[in-house]
Structures are given as structure tokens and as C-alpha cells.
C-alpha atoms as a PDB file:
ATOM      1  CA  MET A   1     -11.467 -69.115  34.205  1.00  0.00           C
ATOM      2  CA  THR A   2     -11.419 -72.476  32.441  1.00  0.00           C
ATOM      3  CA  TYR A   3     -14.077 -73.264  29.898  1.00  0.00           C
ATOM      4  CA  PRO A   4     -15.124 -76.806  28.991  1.00  0.00           C
ATOM      5  CA  ASN A   5     -14.441 -77.513  25.313  1.00  0.00           C
ATOM      6  CA  ALA A   6     -12.187 -74.431  25.184  1.00  0.00           C
ATOM      7  CA  ASP A   7     -10.843 -75.485  21.789  1.00  0.00           C
ATOM      8  CA  VAL A   8     -14.354 -75.296  20.327  1.00  0.00           C
ATOM      9  CA  TYR A   9     -14.876 -71.836  21.793  1.00  0.00           C
ATOM     10  CA  GLN A  10     -11.471 -70.757  20.560  1.00  0.00           C
ATOM     11  CA  ARG A  11     -12.214 -71.989  17.033  1.00  0.00           C
ATOM     12  CA  LEU A  12     -15.610 -70.269  17.115  1.00  0.00           C
ATOM     13  CA  ALA A  13     -13.998 -67.015  18.218  1.00  0.00           C
ATOM     14  CA  GLU A  14     -11.483 -67.293  15.369  1.00  0.00           C
ATOM     15  CA  LEU A  15     -14.296 -67.765  12.860  1.00  0.00           C
ATOM     16  CA  GLU A  16     -16.183 -64.805  14.304  1.00  0.00           C
ATOM     17  CA  ALA A  17     -13.056 -62.662  14.016  1.00  0.00           C
ATOM     18  CA  GLN A  18     -12.769 -63.666  10.374  1.00  0.00           C
ATOM     19  CA  VAL A  19     -16.435 -62.810   9.729  1.00  0.00           C
ATOM     20  CA  ARG A  20     -15.952 -59.442  11.441  1.00  0.00           C
ATOM     21  CA  TYR A  21     -12.882 -58.817   9.262  1.00  0.00           C
ATOM     22  CA  LEU A  22     -14.776 -59.666   6.072  1.00  0.00           C
ATOM     23  CA  TYR A  23     -17.668 -57.365   6.971  1.00  0.00           C
ATOM     24  CA  GLU A  24     -15.289 -54.485   7.740  1.00  0.00           C
ATOM     25  CA  HIS A  25     -13.262 -54.885   4.561  1.00  0.00           C
ATOM     26  CA  ALA A  26     -16.392 -55.255   2.428  1.00  0.00           C
ATOM     27  CA  GLY A  27     -17.675 -51.981   3.886  1.00  0.00           C
ATOM     28  CA  LEU A  28     -20.775 -53.654   5.304  1.00  0.00           C
ATOM     29  CA  GLN A  29     -22.345 -53.138   8.693  1.00  0.00           C
ATOM     30  CA  MET A  30     -22.510 -56.197  10.889  1.00  0.00           C
ATOM     31  CA  PRO A  31     -26.111 -57.224  11.709  1.00  0.00           C
ATOM     32  CA  ALA A  32     -27.027 -56.713  15.376  1.00  0.00           C
ATOM     33  CA  GLY A  33     -26.343 -59.847  17.407  1.00  0.00           C
ATOM     34  CA  ALA A  34     -24.608 -61.558  14.493  1.00  0.00           C
ATOM     35  CA  LEU A  35     -21.694 -62.772  16.611  1.00  0.00           C
ATOM     36  CA  ALA A  36     -22.674 -64.486  19.805  1.00  0.00           C
ATOM     37  CA  HIS A  37     -19.304 -65.226  21.376  1.00  0.00           C
ATOM     38  CA  THR A  38     -17.400 -61.952  21.257  1.00  0.00           C
ATOM     39  CA  GLU A  39     -16.709 -61.925  25.003  1.00  0.00           C
ATOM     40  CA  LEU A  40     -14.624 -65.092  25.202  1.00  0.00           C
ATOM     41  CA  PRO A  41     -11.439 -64.730  27.238  1.00  0.00           C
ATOM     42  CA  THR A  42      -9.049 -65.311  24.325  1.00  0.00           C
ATOM     43  CA  PHE A  43      -8.931 -66.383  20.704  1.00  0.00           C
ATOM     44  CA  ALA A  44      -5.964 -67.754  18.811  1.00  0.00           C
ATOM     45  CA  ALA A  45      -3.969 -65.763  16.334  1.00  0.00           C
ATOM     46  CA  ALA A  46      -4.275 -67.742  13.142  1.00  0.00           C
ATOM     47  CA  SER A  47      -0.668 -67.460  12.038  1.00  0.00           C
ATOM     48  CA  GLN A  48       1.126 -67.899  15.327  1.00  0.00           C
ATOM     49  CA  GLY A  49      -1.163 -70.035  17.463  1.00  0.00           C
ATOM     50  CA  SER A  50      -0.776 -67.624  20.376  1.00  0.00           C
ATOM     51  CA  ALA A  51      -3.646 -66.393  22.512  1.00  0.00           C
ATOM     52  CA  ILE A  52      -4.806 -62.800  22.206  1.00  0.00           C
ATOM     53  CA  PRO A  53      -5.655 -61.172  25.562  1.00  0.00           C
ATOM     54  CA  VAL A  54      -9.184 -60.002  26.352  1.00  0.00           C
ATOM     55  CA  ASP A  55      -8.293 -56.304  26.301  1.00  0.00           C
ATOM     56  CA  VAL A  56      -6.788 -56.682  22.828  1.00  0.00           C
ATOM     57  CA  GLN A  57      -9.870 -58.539  21.614  1.00  0.00           C
ATOM     58  CA  GLN A  58     -12.126 -55.814  23.035  1.00  0.00           C
ATOM     59  CA  ALA A  59     -10.082 -53.047  21.395  1.00  0.00           C
ATOM     60  CA  LEU A  60     -10.290 -54.853  18.058  1.00  0.00           C
ATOM     61  CA  SER A  61     -14.022 -55.404  18.462  1.00  0.00           C
ATOM     62  CA  SER A  62     -14.562 -51.697  19.108  1.00  0.00           C
ATOM     63  CA  GLY A  63     -12.446 -50.751  16.094  1.00  0.00           C
ATOM     64  CA  ASN A  64      -9.572 -49.247  18.101  1.00  0.00           C
ATOM     65  CA  LYS A  65      -6.673 -50.882  16.280  1.00  0.00           C
ATOM     66  CA  ILE A  66      -3.978 -48.634  17.762  1.00  0.00           C
ATOM     67  CA  ALA A  67      -5.006 -49.498  21.322  1.00  0.00           C
ATOM     68  CA  ALA A  68      -5.163 -53.180  20.357  1.00  0.00           C
ATOM     69  CA  ILE A  69      -1.624 -53.095  18.958  1.00  0.00           C
ATOM     70  CA  LYS A  70      -0.337 -51.295  22.045  1.00  0.00           C
ATOM     71  CA  ALA A  71      -2.028 -53.749  24.419  1.00  0.00           C
ATOM     72  CA  TYR A  72      -0.800 -56.726  22.398  1.00  0.00           C
ATOM     73  CA  ARG A  73       2.778 -55.431  22.484  1.00  0.00           C
ATOM     74  CA  GLU A  74       2.605 -54.881  26.245  1.00  0.00           C
ATOM     75  CA  ALA A  75       1.176 -58.349  26.841  1.00  0.00           C
ATOM     76  CA  THR A  76       3.494 -60.284  24.534  1.00  0.00           C
ATOM     77  CA  GLY A  77       6.636 -58.197  24.136  1.00  0.00           C
ATOM     78  CA  ALA A  78       6.171 -58.277  20.355  1.00  0.00           C
ATOM     79  CA  SER A  79       7.666 -55.597  18.147  1.00  0.00           C
ATOM     80  CA  LEU A  80       5.413 -53.059  16.447  1.00  0.00           C
ATOM     81  CA  SER A  81       5.643 -54.860  13.108  1.00  0.00           C
ATOM     82  CA  GLU A  82       4.985 -58.278  14.694  1.00  0.00           C
ATOM     83  CA  ALA A  83       1.947 -57.010  16.600  1.00  0.00           C
ATOM     84  CA  LYS A  84       0.576 -55.274  13.521  1.00  0.00           C
ATOM     85  CA  ALA A  85       1.067 -58.415  11.403  1.00  0.00           C
ATOM     86  CA  VAL A  86      -0.790 -60.603  13.908  1.00  0.00           C
ATOM     87  CA  LEU A  87      -3.656 -58.170  14.472  1.00  0.00           C
ATOM     88  CA  ASP A  88      -4.071 -57.346  10.775  1.00  0.00           C
ATOM     89  CA  GLN A  89      -5.532 -60.833  10.390  1.00  0.00           C
ATOM     90  CA  PHE A  90      -8.575 -59.856  12.418  1.00  0.00           C
END
């Protein structure tokens, strides 16, 4: 599905991923409904500019990092260390 202004949605999703990361690493619980656009189809990996598939995004959102790394590797062909490096940013 194509979204109008996809770059805006992609940038918003990247910012939301960063906010989620900061909350998790600060040991704080995210307020309910704090992130409005968590169901976008993809968001860009900050360091590599590549899109992260929906299933990877969902695994990250639910806190299942191992499943996210596995899904990312299957989708992109990345090595374990490459996938971990990309997904550690979120």
C-alpha cells in the first residue's frame, strides 16, 4: 500500500522508535497511547537507510528482540551481527 507523504510518516515512525528506545533504556513505562503511528508499514533504519519490514517492527514493538532479529535476517539476508547492529538502534 502506498501512503501519501510517505517520507513524513517514515520520519515520524523513526522518531517514535527513538522515543520508545529512550523510554525502555530509562526504565520508564510508556504512557498509553503515547505513540500514534506504530502500525506503519515500514520505518527506516537510521544508519543504513533501509526499510524495516512490518513483522520486524511488530516484534520490536512487543519487546521480542530475538524474533525481530530473526525476521530481519530472513527478510534482508543480513548476518547476525549486522541485524543486531541495525535493530539495536531501536
